[in-house]
Amino acid sequence: MSIEEGHNLTHRIMEEVRRHHPEHSAEIHLEHCPEDCGRCRQECSTETRRSVGERGRTKV
């Protein structure tokens, strides 16, 4: 599996968690998050992105 495929799979997992368990929250770290990933830009705050550098942190 490529990094890009893993990255996209992580987004799909987060969507499933949100859909099936909206009352819970989790945090998923995306290693080597591509800067041009629109889904990450939408989900990750600028402050969080700066604090983790190359990594994207998305709360679910």
PDB file of N, CA and C in Angstrom:
ATOM      1  N   MET A   1       0.857  -1.174   0.000  1.00  0.00           N
ATOM      2  CA  MET A   1       0.000   0.000   0.000  1.00  0.00           C
ATOM      3  C   MET A   1       0.899   1.232   0.000  1.00  0.00           C
ATOM      4  N   SER A   2       0.579   2.166  -0.848  1.00  0.00           N
ATOM      5  CA  SER A   2       1.365   3.398  -0.902  1.00  0.00           C
ATOM      6  C   SER A   2       0.949   4.336   0.230  1.00  0.00           C
ATOM      7  N   ILE A   3       1.761   5.345   0.484  1.00  0.00           N
ATOM      8  CA  ILE A   3       1.429   6.343   1.509  1.00  0.00           C
ATOM      9  C   ILE A   3       0.125   7.040   1.136  1.00  0.00           C
ATOM     10  N   GLU A   4      -0.042   7.356  -0.140  1.00  0.00           N
ATOM     11  CA  GLU A   4      -1.268   8.029  -0.580  1.00  0.00           C
ATOM     12  C   GLU A   4      -2.496   7.144  -0.363  1.00  0.00           C
ATOM     13  N   GLU A   5      -2.380   5.847  -0.664  1.00  0.00           N
ATOM     14  CA  GLU A   5      -3.498   4.929  -0.435  1.00  0.00           C
ATOM     15  C   GLU A   5      -3.821   4.832   1.058  1.00  0.00           C
ATOM     16  N   GLY A   6      -2.792   4.764   1.883  1.00  0.00           N
ATOM     17  CA  GLY A   6      -3.001   4.727   3.329  1.00  0.00           C
ATOM     18  C   GLY A   6      -3.651   5.998   3.840  1.00  0.00           C
ATOM     19  N   HIS A   7      -3.223   7.127   3.290  1.00  0.00           N
ATOM     20  CA  HIS A   7      -3.784   8.427   3.658  1.00  0.00           C
ATOM     21  C   HIS A   7      -5.282   8.455   3.334  1.00  0.00           C
ATOM     22  N   ASN A   8      -5.633   8.015   2.124  1.00  0.00           N
ATOM     23  CA  ASN A   8      -7.041   7.999   1.722  1.00  0.00           C
ATOM     24  C   ASN A   8      -7.849   7.012   2.553  1.00  0.00           C
ATOM     25  N   LEU A   9      -7.261   5.880   2.894  1.00  0.00           N
ATOM     26  CA  LEU A   9      -7.931   4.899   3.744  1.00  0.00           C
ATOM     27  C   LEU A   9      -8.217   5.490   5.124  1.00  0.00           C
ATOM     28  N   THR A  10      -7.280   6.257   5.650  1.00  0.00           N
ATOM     29  CA  THR A  10      -7.475   6.908   6.947  1.00  0.00           C
ATOM     30  C   THR A  10      -8.678   7.841   6.904  1.00  0.00           C
ATOM     31  N   HIS A  11      -8.806   8.605   5.821  1.00  0.00           N
ATOM     32  CA  HIS A  11      -9.976   9.482   5.680  1.00  0.00           C
ATOM     33  C   HIS A  11     -11.265   8.663   5.655  1.00  0.00           C
ATOM     34  N   ARG A  12     -11.266   7.531   4.957  1.00  0.00           N
ATOM     35  CA  ARG A  12     -12.472   6.695   4.907  1.00  0.00           C
ATOM     36  C   ARG A  12     -12.814   6.143   6.287  1.00  0.00           C
ATOM     37  N   ILE A  13     -11.800   5.747   7.042  1.00  0.00           N
ATOM     38  CA  ILE A  13     -12.034   5.251   8.407  1.00  0.00           C
ATOM     39  C   ILE A  13     -12.649   6.348   9.267  1.00  0.00           C
ATOM     40  N   MET A  14     -12.107   7.566   9.169  1.00  0.00           N
ATOM     41  CA  MET A  14     -12.642   8.681   9.962  1.00  0.00           C
ATOM     42  C   MET A  14     -14.103   8.939   9.610  1.00  0.00           C
ATOM     43  N   GLU A  15     -14.445   8.860   8.316  1.00  0.00           N
ATOM     44  CA  GLU A  15     -15.830   9.071   7.899  1.00  0.00           C
ATOM     45  C   GLU A  15     -16.751   8.006   8.494  1.00  0.00           C
ATOM     46  N   GLU A  16     -16.291   6.760   8.525  1.00  0.00           N
ATOM     47  CA  GLU A  16     -17.094   5.679   9.102  1.00  0.00           C
ATOM     48  C   GLU A  16     -17.287   5.874  10.605  1.00  0.00           C
ATOM     49  N   VAL A  17     -16.246   6.274  11.309  1.00  0.00           N
ATOM     50  CA  VAL A  17     -16.364   6.528  12.752  1.00  0.00           C
ATOM     51  C   VAL A  17     -17.384   7.629  12.990  1.00  0.00           C
ATOM     52  N   ARG A  18     -17.300   8.711  12.230  1.00  0.00           N
ATOM     53  CA  ARG A  18     -18.253   9.816  12.382  1.00  0.00           C
ATOM     54  C   ARG A  18     -19.678   9.352  12.122  1.00  0.00           C
ATOM     55  N   ARG A  19     -19.840   8.543  11.089  1.00  0.00           N
ATOM     56  CA  ARG A  19     -21.178   8.105  10.686  1.00  0.00           C
ATOM     57  C   ARG A  19     -21.797   7.159  11.710  1.00  0.00           C
ATOM     58  N   HIS A  20     -21.022   6.221  12.215  1.00  0.00           N
ATOM     59  CA  HIS A  20     -21.559   5.198  13.110  1.00  0.00           C
ATOM     60  C   HIS A  20     -21.485   5.561  14.590  1.00  0.00           C
ATOM     61  N   HIS A  21     -20.596   6.460  14.961  1.00  0.00           N
ATOM     62  CA  HIS A  21     -20.408   6.800  16.376  1.00  0.00           C
ATOM     63  C   HIS A  21     -20.240   8.311  16.554  1.00  0.00           C
ATOM     64  N   PRO A  22     -21.237   9.098  16.178  1.00  0.00           N
ATOM     65  CA  PRO A  22     -21.092  10.558  16.264  1.00  0.00           C
ATOM     66  C   PRO A  22     -20.934  11.071  17.689  1.00  0.00           C
ATOM     67  N   GLU A  23     -21.311  10.257  18.674  1.00  0.00           N
ATOM     68  CA  GLU A  23     -21.208  10.694  20.068  1.00  0.00           C
ATOM     69  C   GLU A  23     -19.796  10.539  20.619  1.00  0.00           C
ATOM     70  N   HIS A  24     -18.927   9.847  19.925  1.00  0.00           N
ATOM     71  CA  HIS A  24     -17.554   9.628  20.380  1.00  0.00           C
ATOM     72  C   HIS A  24     -16.583  10.491  19.581  1.00  0.00           C
ATOM     73  N   SER A  25     -15.417  10.703  20.149  1.00  0.00           N
ATOM     74  CA  SER A  25     -14.392  11.403  19.387  1.00  0.00           C
ATOM     75  C   SER A  25     -13.105  10.606  19.470  1.00  0.00           C
ATOM     76  N   ALA A  26     -12.301  10.738  18.439  1.00  0.00           N
ATOM     77  CA  ALA A  26     -11.008  10.064  18.374  1.00  0.00           C
ATOM     78  C   ALA A  26     -10.057  10.998  17.655  1.00  0.00           C
ATOM     79  N   GLU A  27      -8.790  10.722  17.765  1.00  0.00           N
ATOM     80  CA  GLU A  27      -7.800  11.541  17.072  1.00  0.00           C
ATOM     81  C   GLU A  27      -6.932  10.618  16.238  1.00  0.00           C
ATOM     82  N   ILE A  28      -6.795  10.954  14.969  1.00  0.00           N
ATOM     83  CA  ILE A  28      -5.997  10.151  14.050  1.00  0.00           C
ATOM     84  C   ILE A  28      -4.873  11.022  13.523  1.00  0.00           C
ATOM     85  N   HIS A  29      -3.665  10.488  13.531  1.00  0.00           N
ATOM     86  CA  HIS A  29      -2.511  11.226  13.023  1.00  0.00           C
ATOM     87  C   HIS A  29      -2.177  10.729  11.628  1.00  0.00           C
ATOM     88  N   LEU A  30      -2.090  11.644  10.685  1.00  0.00           N
ATOM     89  CA  LEU A  30      -1.758  11.295   9.310  1.00  0.00           C
ATOM     90  C   LEU A  30      -0.292  11.613   9.073  1.00  0.00           C
ATOM     91  N   GLU A  31       0.529  10.594   8.953  1.00  0.00           N
ATOM     92  CA  GLU A  31       1.950  10.799   8.702  1.00  0.00           C
ATOM     93  C   GLU A  31       2.139  11.255   7.256  1.00  0.00           C
ATOM     94  N   HIS A  32       3.023  12.189   7.062  1.00  0.00           N
ATOM     95  CA  HIS A  32       3.345  12.707   5.726  1.00  0.00           C
ATOM     96  C   HIS A  32       2.094  13.184   4.996  1.00  0.00           C
ATOM     97  N   CYS A  33       1.270  13.921   5.704  1.00  0.00           N
ATOM     98  CA  CYS A  33       0.037  14.462   5.144  1.00  0.00           C
ATOM     99  C   CYS A  33       0.388  15.411   3.998  1.00  0.00           C
ATOM    100  N   PRO A  34      -0.111  15.147   2.783  1.00  0.00           N
ATOM    101  CA  PRO A  34       0.209  16.029   1.669  1.00  0.00           C
ATOM    102  C   PRO A  34      -0.422  17.406   1.871  1.00  0.00           C
ATOM    103  N   GLU A  35       0.363  18.434   1.669  1.00  0.00           N
ATOM    104  CA  GLU A  35      -0.123  19.801   1.886  1.00  0.00           C
ATOM    105  C   GLU A  35      -1.310  20.142   0.998  1.00  0.00           C
ATOM    106  N   ASP A  36      -1.435  19.477  -0.153  1.00  0.00           N
ATOM    107  CA  ASP A  36      -2.515  19.808  -1.074  1.00  0.00           C
ATOM    108  C   ASP A  36      -3.762  18.949  -0.870  1.00  0.00           C
ATOM    109  N   CYS A  37      -3.809  18.204   0.236  1.00  0.00           N
ATOM    110  CA  CYS A  37      -4.984  17.375   0.512  1.00  0.00           C
ATOM    111  C   CYS A  37      -6.111  18.272   1.018  1.00  0.00           C
ATOM    112  N   GLY A  38      -7.121  18.478   0.198  1.00  0.00           N
ATOM    113  CA  GLY A  38      -8.228  19.353   0.559  1.00  0.00           C
ATOM    114  C   GLY A  38      -8.995  18.873   1.773  1.00  0.00           C
ATOM    115  N   ARG A  39      -9.114  17.561   1.923  1.00  0.00           N
ATOM    116  CA  ARG A  39      -9.837  17.028   3.072  1.00  0.00           C
ATOM    117  C   ARG A  39      -9.104  17.373   4.356  1.00  0.00           C
ATOM    118  N   CYS A  40      -7.781  17.278   4.346  1.00  0.00           N
ATOM    119  CA  CYS A  40      -7.007  17.607   5.546  1.00  0.00           C
ATOM    120  C   CYS A  40      -7.069  19.102   5.832  1.00  0.00           C
ATOM    121  N   ARG A  41      -6.970  19.910   4.792  1.00  0.00           N
ATOM    122  CA  ARG A  41      -7.046  21.361   4.993  1.00  0.00           C
ATOM    123  C   ARG A  41      -8.370  21.721   5.631  1.00  0.00           C
ATOM    124  N   GLN A  42      -9.428  21.062   5.211  1.00  0.00           N
ATOM    125  CA  GLN A  42     -10.750  21.349   5.758  1.00  0.00           C
ATOM    126  C   GLN A  42     -10.859  20.871   7.201  1.00  0.00           C
ATOM    127  N   GLU A  43     -10.274  19.722   7.517  1.00  0.00           N
ATOM    128  CA  GLU A  43     -10.448  19.112   8.831  1.00  0.00           C
ATOM    129  C   GLU A  43      -9.412  19.543   9.856  1.00  0.00           C
ATOM    130  N   CYS A  44      -8.219  19.917   9.407  1.00  0.00           N
ATOM    131  CA  CYS A  44      -7.139  20.267  10.334  1.00  0.00           C
ATOM    132  C   CYS A  44      -7.064  21.783  10.467  1.00  0.00           C
ATOM    133  N   SER A  45      -6.928  22.262  11.670  1.00  0.00           N
ATOM    134  CA  SER A  45      -6.776  23.697  11.860  1.00  0.00           C
ATOM    135  C   SER A  45      -5.358  24.102  11.494  1.00  0.00           C
ATOM    136  N   THR A  46      -5.170  25.340  11.093  1.00  0.00           N
ATOM    137  CA  THR A  46      -3.848  25.849  10.743  1.00  0.00           C
ATOM    138  C   THR A  46      -2.907  25.748  11.929  1.00  0.00           C
ATOM    139  N   GLU A  47      -3.403  26.053  13.115  1.00  0.00           N
ATOM    140  CA  GLU A  47      -2.566  26.003  14.318  1.00  0.00           C
ATOM    141  C   GLU A  47      -2.076  24.582  14.577  1.00  0.00           C
ATOM    142  N   THR A  48      -2.958  23.610  14.458  1.00  0.00           N
ATOM    143  CA  THR A  48      -2.565  22.215  14.670  1.00  0.00           C
ATOM    144  C   THR A  48      -1.555  21.795  13.621  1.00  0.00           C
ATOM    145  N   ARG A  49      -1.793  22.155  12.367  1.00  0.00           N
ATOM    146  CA  ARG A  49      -0.894  21.780  11.282  1.00  0.00           C
ATOM    147  C   ARG A  49       0.505  22.328  11.549  1.00  0.00           C
ATOM    148  N   ARG A  50       0.594  23.575  12.030  1.00  0.00           N
ATOM    149  CA  ARG A  50       1.897  24.166  12.337  1.00  0.00           C
ATOM    150  C   ARG A  50       2.562  23.441  13.498  1.00  0.00           C
ATOM    151  N   SER A  51       1.773  23.067  14.503  1.00  0.00           N
ATOM    152  CA  SER A  51       2.355  22.475  15.705  1.00  0.00           C
ATOM    153  C   SER A  51       2.900  21.077  15.459  1.00  0.00           C
ATOM    154  N   VAL A  52       2.391  20.377  14.468  1.00  0.00           N
ATOM    155  CA  VAL A  52       2.871  19.020  14.213  1.00  0.00           C
ATOM    156  C   VAL A  52       3.729  18.935  12.955  1.00  0.00           C
ATOM    157  N   GLY A  53       3.974  20.057  12.309  1.00  0.00           N
ATOM    158  CA  GLY A  53       4.852  20.071  11.141  1.00  0.00           C
ATOM    159  C   GLY A  53       4.281  19.284   9.984  1.00  0.00           C
ATOM    160  N   GLU A  54       4.998  18.260   9.543  1.00  0.00           N
ATOM    161  CA  GLU A  54       4.593  17.453   8.395  1.00  0.00           C
ATOM    162  C   GLU A  54       3.354  16.626   8.684  1.00  0.00           C
ATOM    163  N   ARG A  55       3.052  16.397   9.927  1.00  0.00           N
ATOM    164  CA  ARG A  55       1.935  15.526  10.275  1.00  0.00           C
ATOM    165  C   ARG A  55       0.643  16.315  10.342  1.00  0.00           C
ATOM    166  N   GLY A  56      -0.426  15.723   9.888  1.00  0.00           N
ATOM    167  CA  GLY A  56      -1.744  16.318  10.043  1.00  0.00           C
ATOM    168  C   GLY A  56      -2.437  15.637  11.199  1.00  0.00           C
ATOM    169  N   ARG A  57      -3.133  16.367  11.992  1.00  0.00           N
ATOM    170  CA  ARG A  57      -3.861  15.782  13.120  1.00  0.00           C
ATOM    171  C   ARG A  57      -5.327  16.103  12.912  1.00  0.00           C
ATOM    172  N   THR A  58      -6.142  15.093  12.872  1.00  0.00           N
ATOM    173  CA  THR A  58      -7.554  15.287  12.627  1.00  0.00           C
ATOM    174  C   THR A  58      -8.352  14.673  13.755  1.00  0.00           C
ATOM    175  N   LYS A  59      -9.229  15.446  14.340  1.00  0.00           N
ATOM    176  CA  LYS A  59     -10.112  14.911  15.378  1.00  0.00           C
ATOM    177  C   LYS A  59     -11.364  14.397  14.712  1.00  0.00           C
ATOM    178  N   VAL A  60     -11.802  13.246  15.166  1.00  0.00           N
ATOM    179  CA  VAL A  60     -13.009  12.624  14.628  1.00  0.00           C
ATOM    180  C   VAL A  60     -14.052  12.616  15.717  1.00  0.00           C
TER     181      VAL A  60
END
